[in-house]
Structure formats: structure tokens, C-alpha cells
Amino acid sequence: MQQLLREMHTWMTAYMKSFYTADKEVMQGILIKETHTGYVTANMVALAKHLGLDAHGRQLAEIMGLFHDVGRFRQYSLYKTFNDAQSEDHAALALKVLAELPLMRRLAAEDRALVRFAIKNHNKKAIEPTEDARSLLFAKMLRDADKLDIYRVLAPYLSASGAEAAPNFVASLRSQDVSPAFVRALVEGRQADYHAIRTHGDRKVVRLLWVYDIYFSWTMREIARKGYIDKVIHALPHGRELTLGFVRVKSYVAAKCAQEDVPVSCEMAVREHRLPDIERISQ
């Protein structure tokens, strides 16, 4: 497995570099995703160790991080956007690329299905229903590892001028105002419809709402340690309702950071008998 993992890294490095181009706009997106791939892979390995996965589980986590955004390179090269709604779902594109990759066929069928499930669900509003605890665990890990680094990716574009410099993610107006629907979501402490994003302010609020979709305390502590939440709040207007939302976010983050993650060996054992309890612990 370790040899296969090395070959996968070698292939992925060459694949990403195959999209290098003299087109500065495209190159900006390719380099952002190349760096992002490295960070998410490292996040997955660190989270897997934290949760006590065995060597094989840590290697699978590394593969998921390595390949989770492999579809982004073809997407940005073809469409010059990271907006799935205006191009193609990048997770679906990733699965197409992996289906063409002979290295994937050297994984056991069960492991291959696990990798595909996690990648398929890493960018969705919610993980599709499954009774397989292991699939659910890895999908949660990948979603957390991805969001943790997206905070880093987007941090340079928080300012008003950053709205113009940002790569083509979700299109929005340069206004720093926050639409009423996103104000309500922030105050109520819930997710919002990302397709309703209209302004740069909305985009920043979405990053605050991500905290309600973080599964592991380890991830939340990393987000807090790096100051990502405070940076987003500082870059937003501070009206009465928004301030109420900020207080709610900070309270939730503090509570999540104070929790302890359940080691995987314990989690799997408990899931066999008390799935709802583990769901409450990990949410």
C-alpha cells in the first residue's frame, strides 16, 4: 500500500503540472488548487492520526485528500471557474478522472468504494444517507479537512478590494452588504442556500456558517487557533443583527472546541449498538 501511495503522489504531481499554462488567469486557479491539495492531504493525515486510525486507515485518508479536488484542474482549464453551477460538479469530475486512473484499480474494491464515497460527498450540502459507519466517518473527515484549508485559501480575499482579486468561485457583487436571508441564517445559527449568494458580504457570512457543518473538535480547534473566524468577523459590517450572529458563532465555536473527539475504535464499537448517540457526539 505504501508503494501505491507513493505512485499516486507522483501521478498527481505530474497531473497537476500538466495544466500549467501561459494564461495567467487559468494559472492562478491551477496553482491555488495545487497548494490546496497539499494542505488538505496533510489535514487528512493529521486528523486520521488524531482519531487513532490504523496505518491502513491513515493511508486511505491520505489518498482521499490527495484526490479530492482532482476534478478542479479539468474544470478550471475548461471553464475558467470554480463555480460548479456554471460548469460541472467538481466531485463528479473527480470521480470521472479516477475511473480512468489504473492506479485506483490496485486498491481493494472496498477501499476504492470508500475513497469514491468520501470524494463524491465532500462538496455537497449534506452527506448522502448511508448505513456504513466507515464511509460516513471518512466523508466527515474529508469535509472537515477541506473546509479547514478553504478558510486559508479565502483569507486574502476578505477585504473589499479582495472581491476583485478573488478567483472565480461563486459569482457575487462587490458590495460588502449582507443579504437579509444570510443575516437571518447567521442569527439563527443555521446553514443557508449558497446558490442565493449575491454579494461579497454574503460570501463571507457563508464562511462563518461553515462552523455549523464542522464534525470534529480537532478541526474546530485548528480553525480557532489560526484565527480564521475572527478575521471573517472583522471584515464584515457590524449591525445589531449581525453582531448577534457573531456572538452565536463564537459561542458555538468555543463549545465545540471544548469537546473531545471519540477515538475511531470506540466510535465504531458504539455505532454498532447506539448509532444515534454517536451522531449527537460528533455533530
Protein backbone atom coordinates (compact mmCIF):
# COMPACT_ATOMS: atom_id res chain seq x y z
CA MET A 1 0.00 0.00 0.00
CA GLN A 2 2.84 2.41 0.81
CA GLN A 3 4.36 1.89 -2.63
CA LEU A 4 0.98 2.50 -4.27
CA LEU A 5 0.58 5.69 -2.25
CA ARG A 6 3.97 6.94 -3.48
CA GLU A 7 2.97 6.23 -7.07
CA MET A 8 -0.30 8.09 -6.55
CA HIS A 9 1.58 11.14 -5.27
CA THR A 10 3.91 11.02 -8.26
CA TRP A 11 0.99 10.74 -10.67
CA MET A 12 -0.94 13.58 -9.01
CA THR A 13 2.07 15.90 -9.09
CA ALA A 14 2.53 15.27 -12.82
CA TYR A 15 -1.20 15.59 -13.47
CA MET A 16 -1.45 18.99 -11.78
CA LYS A 17 1.60 20.30 -13.62
CA SER A 18 0.13 19.13 -16.93
CA PHE A 19 -2.36 22.00 -16.61
CA TYR A 20 0.31 24.69 -16.34
CA THR A 21 -0.26 27.36 -18.96
CA ALA A 22 0.82 30.82 -20.07
CA ASP A 23 -2.75 32.02 -19.42
CA LYS A 24 -2.33 33.95 -16.15
CA GLU A 25 -5.98 33.66 -15.13
CA VAL A 26 -6.03 29.89 -15.55
CA MET A 27 -2.61 29.53 -13.94
CA GLN A 28 -3.79 31.39 -10.84
CA GLY A 29 -6.58 28.86 -10.33
CA ILE A 30 -4.35 25.86 -11.02
CA LEU A 31 -1.72 26.97 -8.51
CA ILE A 32 -4.35 27.69 -5.86
CA LYS A 33 -5.71 24.16 -6.20
CA GLU A 34 -2.27 22.58 -6.34
CA THR A 35 -1.39 24.18 -3.00
CA HIS A 36 -4.83 23.38 -1.60
CA THR A 37 -4.35 19.71 -2.49
CA GLY A 38 -1.17 19.58 -0.41
CA TYR A 39 -2.78 21.19 2.62
CA VAL A 40 -5.93 19.04 2.55
CA THR A 41 -3.80 15.91 2.23
CA ALA A 42 -1.79 16.97 5.29
CA ASN A 43 -5.00 17.82 7.16
CA MET A 44 -6.40 14.36 6.44
CA VAL A 45 -3.26 12.64 7.72
CA ALA A 46 -3.23 14.77 10.89
CA LEU A 47 -6.94 14.20 11.56
CA ALA A 48 -6.60 10.45 10.92
CA LYS A 49 -3.78 10.27 13.48
CA HIS A 50 -5.78 12.31 15.96
CA LEU A 51 -8.73 9.93 15.63
CA GLY A 52 -6.49 6.90 16.10
CA LEU A 53 -6.92 5.29 12.69
CA ASP A 54 -4.66 2.37 11.94
CA ALA A 55 -1.94 2.60 9.27
CA HIS A 56 -4.25 1.45 6.51
CA GLY A 57 -6.91 3.95 7.51
CA ARG A 58 -4.36 6.77 7.57
CA GLN A 59 -3.20 5.80 4.07
CA LEU A 60 -6.79 5.83 2.77
CA ALA A 61 -7.30 9.24 4.37
CA GLU A 62 -4.18 10.49 2.58
CA ILE A 63 -5.47 9.17 -0.77
CA MET A 64 -8.78 10.96 -0.24
CA GLY A 65 -7.03 14.25 0.49
CA LEU A 66 -4.73 13.82 -2.48
CA PHE A 67 -7.51 13.14 -4.99
CA HIS A 68 -10.48 15.04 -3.55
CA ASP A 69 -10.11 18.01 -5.94
CA VAL A 70 -8.57 16.23 -8.92
CA GLY A 71 -11.62 17.32 -10.92
CA ARG A 72 -10.89 21.00 -10.27
CA PHE A 73 -7.97 21.07 -12.71
CA ARG A 74 -10.01 19.91 -15.67
CA GLN A 75 -12.86 22.18 -14.55
CA TYR A 76 -10.80 25.37 -14.37
CA SER A 77 -8.89 24.61 -17.53
CA LEU A 78 -12.13 24.17 -19.48
CA TYR A 79 -14.43 26.73 -17.87
CA LYS A 80 -12.15 29.21 -16.05
CA THR A 81 -14.38 28.99 -12.99
CA PHE A 82 -14.63 27.02 -9.76
CA ASN A 83 -18.39 27.58 -9.75
CA ASP A 84 -19.93 24.11 -10.16
CA ALA A 85 -23.32 25.55 -11.07
CA GLN A 86 -21.78 27.34 -14.06
CA SER A 87 -19.65 24.39 -15.19
CA GLU A 88 -19.67 20.85 -13.79
CA ASP A 89 -19.81 19.40 -10.30
CA HIS A 90 -16.12 19.07 -9.47
CA ALA A 91 -16.63 15.99 -7.28
CA ALA A 92 -18.34 14.22 -10.17
CA LEU A 93 -15.46 15.30 -12.42
CA ALA A 94 -13.01 13.88 -9.88
CA LEU A 95 -14.76 10.51 -9.98
CA LYS A 96 -14.52 10.52 -13.78
CA VAL A 97 -10.79 11.17 -13.63
CA LEU A 98 -10.28 8.45 -11.01
CA ALA A 99 -12.31 5.97 -13.05
CA GLU A 100 -9.73 6.45 -15.81
CA LEU A 101 -6.76 6.01 -13.45
CA PRO A 102 -5.24 2.47 -13.44
CA LEU A 103 -3.66 3.09 -10.02
CA MET A 104 -7.12 3.16 -8.44
CA ARG A 105 -7.79 -0.39 -9.63
CA ARG A 106 -4.93 -1.60 -7.45
CA LEU A 107 -6.95 -0.68 -4.36
CA ALA A 108 -9.22 -3.34 -2.89
CA ALA A 109 -12.80 -2.88 -4.12
CA GLU A 110 -13.98 -1.96 -0.62
CA ASP A 111 -11.27 0.68 -0.24
CA ARG A 112 -11.95 2.06 -3.72
CA ALA A 113 -15.65 2.44 -2.86
CA LEU A 114 -14.72 4.18 0.39
CA VAL A 115 -12.50 6.70 -1.41
CA ARG A 116 -15.13 7.39 -4.04
CA PHE A 117 -17.89 7.88 -1.46
CA ALA A 118 -15.87 10.42 0.52
CA ILE A 119 -14.86 12.37 -2.59
CA LYS A 120 -18.38 12.31 -4.02
CA ASN A 121 -19.76 13.83 -0.81
CA HIS A 122 -17.00 16.27 0.12
CA ASN A 123 -18.66 19.26 -1.59
CA LYS A 124 -22.35 18.51 -1.09
CA LYS A 125 -24.70 20.37 1.24
CA ALA A 126 -25.03 17.17 3.27
CA ILE A 127 -23.59 13.66 3.17
CA GLU A 128 -25.90 11.25 1.40
CA PRO A 129 -27.57 8.71 3.73
CA THR A 130 -25.54 5.59 4.41
CA GLU A 131 -25.66 2.83 7.00
CA ASP A 132 -21.94 2.21 6.60
CA ALA A 133 -20.22 3.82 9.59
CA ARG A 134 -16.77 3.75 8.00
CA SER A 135 -17.95 5.53 4.85
CA LEU A 136 -19.67 8.17 6.97
CA LEU A 137 -16.57 8.68 9.10
CA PHE A 138 -14.23 9.25 6.14
CA ALA A 139 -16.75 11.54 4.42
CA LYS A 140 -16.91 13.67 7.56
CA MET A 141 -13.13 13.74 7.81
CA LEU A 142 -12.70 14.88 4.22
CA ARG A 143 -15.33 17.60 4.54
CA ASP A 144 -13.58 18.93 7.65
CA ALA A 145 -10.08 18.75 6.15
CA ASP A 146 -11.30 20.58 3.04
CA LYS A 147 -13.09 23.38 4.90
CA LEU A 148 -10.13 23.90 7.21
CA ASP A 149 -7.92 24.76 4.25
CA ILE A 150 -10.56 26.70 2.33
CA TYR A 151 -10.51 29.18 5.22
CA ARG A 152 -6.80 29.68 4.46
CA VAL A 153 -7.39 29.91 0.70
CA LEU A 154 -10.04 32.60 1.03
CA ALA A 155 -8.41 34.65 3.80
CA PRO A 156 -6.55 37.02 1.39
CA TYR A 157 -9.82 37.97 -0.31
CA LEU A 158 -11.77 39.20 2.73
CA SER A 159 -11.27 42.91 2.05
CA ALA A 160 -13.41 44.96 -0.30
CA SER A 161 -10.57 45.02 -2.82
CA GLY A 162 -10.25 41.25 -2.43
CA ALA A 163 -13.60 40.82 -4.14
CA GLU A 164 -11.92 41.78 -7.40
CA ALA A 165 -8.77 39.73 -6.86
CA ALA A 166 -10.55 36.51 -5.87
CA PRO A 167 -10.55 33.65 -8.38
CA ASN A 168 -13.84 32.67 -10.00
CA PHE A 169 -15.58 30.76 -7.23
CA VAL A 170 -19.21 31.78 -6.73
CA ALA A 171 -20.05 34.97 -8.62
CA SER A 172 -21.11 37.90 -6.45
CA LEU A 173 -21.41 41.66 -6.39
CA ARG A 174 -18.56 43.59 -4.80
CA SER A 175 -20.88 45.02 -2.14
CA GLN A 176 -19.93 44.31 1.48
CA ASP A 177 -23.61 44.35 2.48
CA VAL A 178 -25.18 41.10 3.66
CA SER A 179 -28.48 39.95 2.15
CA PRO A 180 -31.42 39.52 4.59
CA ALA A 181 -31.53 35.74 4.09
CA PHE A 182 -27.90 35.40 5.18
CA VAL A 183 -28.41 37.75 8.14
CA ARG A 184 -31.29 35.52 9.33
CA ALA A 185 -29.24 32.35 8.88
CA LEU A 186 -26.39 33.84 10.91
CA VAL A 187 -28.69 34.99 13.72
CA GLU A 188 -30.48 31.63 13.81
CA GLY A 189 -27.26 29.62 13.65
CA ARG A 190 -28.01 27.50 10.59
CA GLN A 191 -26.80 26.84 7.07
CA ALA A 192 -28.01 28.99 4.17
CA ASP A 193 -28.59 28.31 0.48
CA TYR A 194 -25.23 29.02 -1.15
CA HIS A 195 -26.96 29.48 -4.51
CA ALA A 196 -28.58 32.60 -3.04
CA ILE A 197 -25.23 34.39 -2.65
CA ARG A 198 -25.49 37.88 -4.14
CA THR A 199 -22.75 39.97 -2.52
CA HIS A 200 -19.19 39.70 -1.28
CA GLY A 201 -20.66 40.14 2.20
CA ASP A 202 -22.84 37.06 1.66
CA ARG A 203 -19.79 35.04 0.69
CA LYS A 204 -18.05 35.98 3.92
CA VAL A 205 -21.10 35.09 6.04
CA VAL A 206 -21.14 31.66 4.40
CA ARG A 207 -17.66 31.08 5.81
CA LEU A 208 -19.00 31.77 9.31
CA LEU A 209 -21.92 29.41 8.73
CA TRP A 210 -19.46 26.64 7.88
CA VAL A 211 -18.76 26.24 11.61
CA TYR A 212 -22.16 24.55 11.94
CA ASP A 213 -21.01 21.91 9.46
CA ILE A 214 -17.74 21.01 11.21
CA TYR A 215 -17.81 17.49 12.65
CA PHE A 216 -14.66 17.16 14.73
CA SER A 217 -13.42 19.24 17.64
CA TRP A 218 -9.87 18.87 16.32
CA THR A 219 -10.88 20.75 13.17
CA MET A 220 -12.65 23.48 15.10
CA ARG A 221 -9.67 23.98 17.36
CA GLU A 222 -7.43 24.39 14.30
CA ILE A 223 -9.84 26.91 12.80
CA ALA A 224 -9.89 28.87 16.06
CA ARG A 225 -6.12 28.61 16.58
CA LYS A 226 -5.46 30.11 13.16
CA GLY A 227 -7.86 32.98 13.85
CA TYR A 228 -9.98 32.40 10.75
CA ILE A 229 -13.33 33.19 12.40
CA ASP A 230 -12.14 36.46 13.91
CA LYS A 231 -10.69 37.53 10.55
CA VAL A 232 -14.02 36.98 8.79
CA ILE A 233 -15.98 38.79 11.50
CA HIS A 234 -13.57 41.73 11.38
CA ALA A 235 -14.13 42.01 7.61
CA LEU A 236 -17.95 42.20 7.89
CA PRO A 237 -20.30 45.07 8.79
CA HIS A 238 -21.29 45.19 12.47
CA GLY A 239 -25.01 45.96 12.60
CA ARG A 240 -27.14 44.83 15.55
CA GLU A 241 -28.41 41.60 13.99
CA LEU A 242 -25.07 40.64 12.51
CA THR A 243 -23.43 41.20 15.89
CA LEU A 244 -25.96 38.82 17.47
CA GLY A 245 -24.97 36.27 14.86
CA PHE A 246 -21.27 36.78 15.60
CA VAL A 247 -21.89 36.16 19.30
CA ARG A 248 -23.75 32.96 18.48
CA VAL A 249 -20.97 31.73 16.19
CA LYS A 250 -18.26 32.43 18.78
CA SER A 251 -20.26 30.66 21.50
CA TYR A 252 -20.75 27.61 19.28
CA VAL A 253 -17.06 27.52 18.33
CA ALA A 254 -15.98 27.71 21.98
CA ALA A 255 -18.35 24.89 22.96
CA LYS A 256 -17.18 22.69 20.08
CA CYS A 257 -13.53 23.32 20.90
CA ALA A 258 -14.17 22.21 24.49
CA GLN A 259 -15.48 18.80 23.37
CA GLU A 260 -13.31 15.72 22.91
CA ASP A 261 -13.45 13.63 19.76
CA VAL A 262 -14.30 9.96 20.15
CA PRO A 263 -11.43 7.68 19.04
CA VAL A 264 -12.33 5.69 15.96
CA SER A 265 -12.02 2.31 17.68
CA CYS A 266 -14.54 3.41 20.31
CA GLU A 267 -16.77 5.14 17.77
CA MET A 268 -17.09 2.06 15.59
CA ALA A 269 -17.89 -0.14 18.57
CA VAL A 270 -20.57 2.20 19.87
CA ARG A 271 -22.09 2.72 16.42
CA GLU A 272 -22.93 -0.96 16.19
CA HIS A 273 -25.34 -0.55 19.09
CA ARG A 274 -26.08 3.16 19.52
CA LEU A 275 -25.72 4.99 16.22
CA PRO A 276 -27.92 7.99 17.25
CA ASP A 277 -25.72 8.72 20.31
CA ILE A 278 -22.53 8.86 18.29
CA GLU A 279 -24.27 11.12 15.77
CA ARG A 280 -25.03 13.57 18.55
CA ILE A 281 -21.47 13.44 19.87
CA SER A 282 -19.85 14.04 16.50
CA GLN A 283 -22.15 16.80 15.27
